[in-house]
Amino acid sequence: MNARIKVMAAVSLDALHRRENLNLQRFLLRKLGNPADAADAAQETYLRLVKAITTTDLEHPRLFLFHLARNVAANLEAVMNLLRVERPF
């Protein structure tokens, strides 16, 4: 990826973050029920988004952001459920 595309991706990601972060946090809080877990999931979502942006052009970044967030939340819930089963105290 050339430098110009990296700058454009960074600007687009920054704009998306400023525009959608509050909605993303609320979405993840509804899914996970815990502000700390929602914040962790949001951070993981943005990390995955950065990785995706470096390898692909996204036509609908907001949709992709929330798709990633839903998957991250589902993964986190699965891990938490597994931990509850292994340590039921």
Protein backbone atom coordinates (compact mmCIF):
# COMPACT_ATOMS: atom_id res chain seq x y z
CA MET A 1 0.00 0.00 0.00
CA ASN A 2 1.47 3.35 -0.95
CA ALA A 3 1.79 6.29 1.44
CA ARG A 4 -1.11 8.23 -0.10
CA ILE A 5 -3.53 5.35 0.39
CA LYS A 6 -2.32 4.89 3.99
CA VAL A 7 -3.00 8.56 4.73
CA MET A 8 -6.44 8.35 3.13
CA ALA A 9 -7.24 5.20 5.15
CA ALA A 10 -6.10 6.89 8.37
CA VAL A 11 -8.21 9.97 7.68
CA SER A 12 -11.22 7.83 6.81
CA LEU A 13 -10.74 5.70 9.92
CA ASP A 14 -10.42 8.80 12.08
CA ALA A 15 -13.60 10.27 10.60
CA LEU A 16 -15.45 6.99 11.07
CA HIS A 17 -14.25 6.78 14.67
CA ARG A 18 -15.37 10.34 15.44
CA ARG A 19 -18.73 9.79 13.76
CA GLU A 20 -19.58 6.30 15.04
CA ASN A 21 -17.69 5.63 18.27
CA LEU A 22 -20.53 6.59 20.61
CA ASN A 23 -22.98 4.45 18.62
CA LEU A 24 -20.50 1.58 18.64
CA GLN A 25 -20.00 1.84 22.40
CA ARG A 26 -23.78 1.82 22.96
CA PHE A 27 -24.24 -1.12 20.61
CA LEU A 28 -21.57 -3.15 22.40
CA LEU A 29 -22.89 -2.17 25.83
CA ARG A 30 -26.33 -3.49 24.84
CA LYS A 31 -24.75 -6.70 23.56
CA LEU A 32 -22.39 -7.30 26.49
CA GLY A 33 -24.04 -5.51 29.41
CA ASN A 34 -20.77 -4.30 30.90
CA PRO A 35 -19.01 -0.99 30.11
CA ALA A 36 -15.52 -2.45 30.51
CA ASP A 37 -16.27 -5.36 28.19
CA ALA A 38 -17.88 -2.96 25.70
CA ALA A 39 -14.75 -0.77 25.72
CA ASP A 40 -12.50 -3.80 25.21
CA ALA A 41 -14.70 -5.04 22.38
CA ALA A 42 -14.69 -1.60 20.73
CA GLN A 43 -10.89 -1.51 20.83
CA GLU A 44 -10.68 -4.99 19.31
CA THR A 45 -13.21 -3.96 16.65
CA TYR A 46 -11.11 -0.98 15.61
CA LEU A 47 -7.97 -3.14 15.50
CA ARG A 48 -9.70 -5.56 13.17
CA LEU A 49 -10.98 -2.67 11.08
CA VAL A 50 -7.45 -1.27 10.68
CA LYS A 51 -6.26 -4.68 9.54
CA ALA A 52 -9.13 -4.95 7.04
CA ILE A 53 -8.54 -1.45 5.66
CA THR A 54 -4.92 -2.28 4.89
CA THR A 55 -5.92 -5.26 2.76
CA THR A 56 -9.25 -4.25 1.23
CA ASP A 57 -11.28 -1.30 -0.01
CA LEU A 58 -14.50 -1.02 1.97
CA GLU A 59 -17.60 0.23 0.20
CA HIS A 60 -19.64 0.55 3.41
CA PRO A 61 -17.25 1.09 6.33
CA ARG A 62 -20.00 1.76 8.89
CA LEU A 63 -21.74 -1.51 8.08
CA PHE A 64 -18.44 -3.35 8.22
CA LEU A 65 -17.59 -1.71 11.56
CA PHE A 66 -20.81 -2.95 13.15
CA HIS A 67 -20.46 -6.36 11.51
CA LEU A 68 -17.03 -6.66 13.09
CA ALA A 69 -18.39 -5.43 16.42
CA ARG A 70 -21.16 -8.03 16.41
CA ASN A 71 -18.58 -10.76 15.76
CA VAL A 72 -16.22 -9.47 18.44
CA ALA A 73 -19.08 -9.33 20.97
CA ALA A 74 -20.17 -12.87 20.07
CA ASN A 75 -16.60 -14.13 20.48
CA LEU A 76 -16.24 -12.40 23.84
CA GLU A 77 -19.57 -13.80 25.04
CA ALA A 78 -18.51 -17.30 23.98
CA VAL A 79 -15.24 -17.00 25.91
CA MET A 80 -17.03 -15.66 28.99
CA ASN A 81 -19.58 -18.49 28.83
CA LEU A 82 -16.78 -21.03 28.51
CA LEU A 83 -15.03 -19.57 31.53
CA ARG A 84 -18.27 -19.73 33.54
CA VAL A 85 -18.70 -23.41 32.66
CA GLU A 86 -15.11 -24.24 33.61
CA ARG A 87 -15.22 -22.23 36.86
CA PRO A 88 -18.82 -22.25 38.13
CA PHE A 89 -18.34 -20.16 41.28
